[in-house]
Structures are given as structure tokens and as C-alpha cells.
Amino acid sequence: MTVATKLKSKTEIRREKIIELTQARGNVSVELLTEMLGVSSQTVRRDLNQLCSENLLRRRHGGVECFEQQLNAPYDLRAATNPTEKRAIAKAVADVIPDGATVFISIGSTPAIVAEALTAKSGLTVMTNNLNAAMVLSNEPSNRIIIPGGEVRMPDRDVLGEGVLEFFNSYRAEYGIFGVAGVSEDGGMLDFHASEVRVREAIRTHCKTSILVMDSTKLTRTAPAIGGSIFDVDLIIMDQHPGDDFSALSDRVGDRLKLVGGDAS
């Protein structure tokens, strides 16, 4: 390996670390990156210039922030997409969850709609960083709602920050309900940020029954961060059959896939 190759490799690793840190924190300063990466501020600025020119990050005063607007659709738009299908998915989840259960609920519009369906339950203990879910379930006085500390991302109304992963690692639940940004053809679960993947995987691994909720449009949607597989999920609730392109996936998942609309009607 030549010196040039080694230097290129170090640069790539450093820039990947910058993206990961920015995704985890929302924004980072040149000063912080200089300290954490152990390089000069000039090196950090060169890295940031390149990452911003590729639209991977966006400039802000003294540093950079996530360029989320180019990645995920606004929350209100996502919540209004396929509402009938999402309500059918939510009802199917509510049929599984008994009164008095302990439940993890992830961020996302579909998990929030699931929370609305769970308002018919009582005595739930809910751990969530999804404030939409927390607020709707708090209307039942017998429920216990536990949320992490951190920064609230608007307009999604979910809690972000380094403490969220630690929060979910500190609890165990009977059911873990989560969505994804997309699913790859090999079954990999996709999200827009590495930090979201880590939190989702904490929810999945620290519950007895993991439940993935998604409408079929997620099968044609791409996102940059990958972690976990649908083959590791206990129950997948979708609106309709994934189609020929994903038939191998559905065959392998078998009866863990529950269809609640579309082709299932």
C-alpha cells in the first residue's frame, strides 16, 4: 500500500466519522471536531468543505449540521401518506398488545399512529422518544409514560441525543414497536441516520416480541444507514404483499409477515 493510499484511507475514515458525529448530535463545530479527531482545524475545514460540496452536510456558523431536508420528507407529509393503510397496520398491532403490557415505541409517523390505536388499552408502561406517541397515550391516566432527556427535533417531535441509546439500553419491554425508512432487497433495514439505526436495534434486542410496522412503499425507498435485518424481527405488519421483486423475502419471513390491507383484503 502506497503512502497516498494510506492517506486517502485515513481521510475517508475521518470524513465518515464526521458524518456519524453530526448525525448523532444534529450539528457539530469545527472546534469540537478538531478536539475529537485529533487533527488541525485546517484539516477539519477541508473535510467539511468537501462533505458540504457533496451535499452530505450543510454549513452552519462555526461548523456543520445534518442536511436532513434532502433526505427525509417532512413529518406532516409522511403522517398524511397512506393514512388508511397505516390505520389498518395500527389496529393490527393493537390487537396484539394486551392491557398492562410494557412497550417500546420508536420515532416515526407510523409508530405514532400505532400509539393512537393503543389508546383503547389501559395500564401500559411505555418507553418512547416519540413525543407524539407519549402525548396521545398520556390521555389514559392508568398508563405510565417514560421518555428520555435530550433535544426535541421539530416538527417531528421526537427526542434526539446521546442519552436516547442509553435510555433504551436501560429498559426491557414485552413489545418493541418500530418503523424503518426502507428495506433493501437482502432484507437489511434502512434509516437516514446511523444514530437512528442504533436506537432501533436497541429497541429490537431489548424486547421479547419485536414488531416492525411499515406500509409497502418502504420496500422501494432507499436510505443511507443500514442496520439489522427483517429476518431478525418477530412480527412484520404491512398493508399488502411486497410483490414479485421481494417475493423471496416474504417467503423467507413466512408467517411472521401479517398483511392487513391491499392484497390481503
Foldseek 3Di string as FASTA:
>chain_A
DDPVVVVVVVLVVLLVVVLQVQLQAQWDALVVSCVVVVHDSVSVVVSQVVCVVVVQWADDVRTTGGSCVVPDPAQVVQLPPPVVFLLLLLLVVLVVDAAQFEEEAEFHNSSLSNLLNVCVHFNYEYEYQQVSSQVNNVVHVNYHYHYDDADQDPPSRGHGHPCLLVSLLVDAGQEYEYEAQAAELVFWGHHAHQRSQSNSVSSQVRHNAYEYEDELVRHVGHHDDTDDGPCSHQAYEYADDNDDSNVVVCVSSDPSYHHRHDVVD
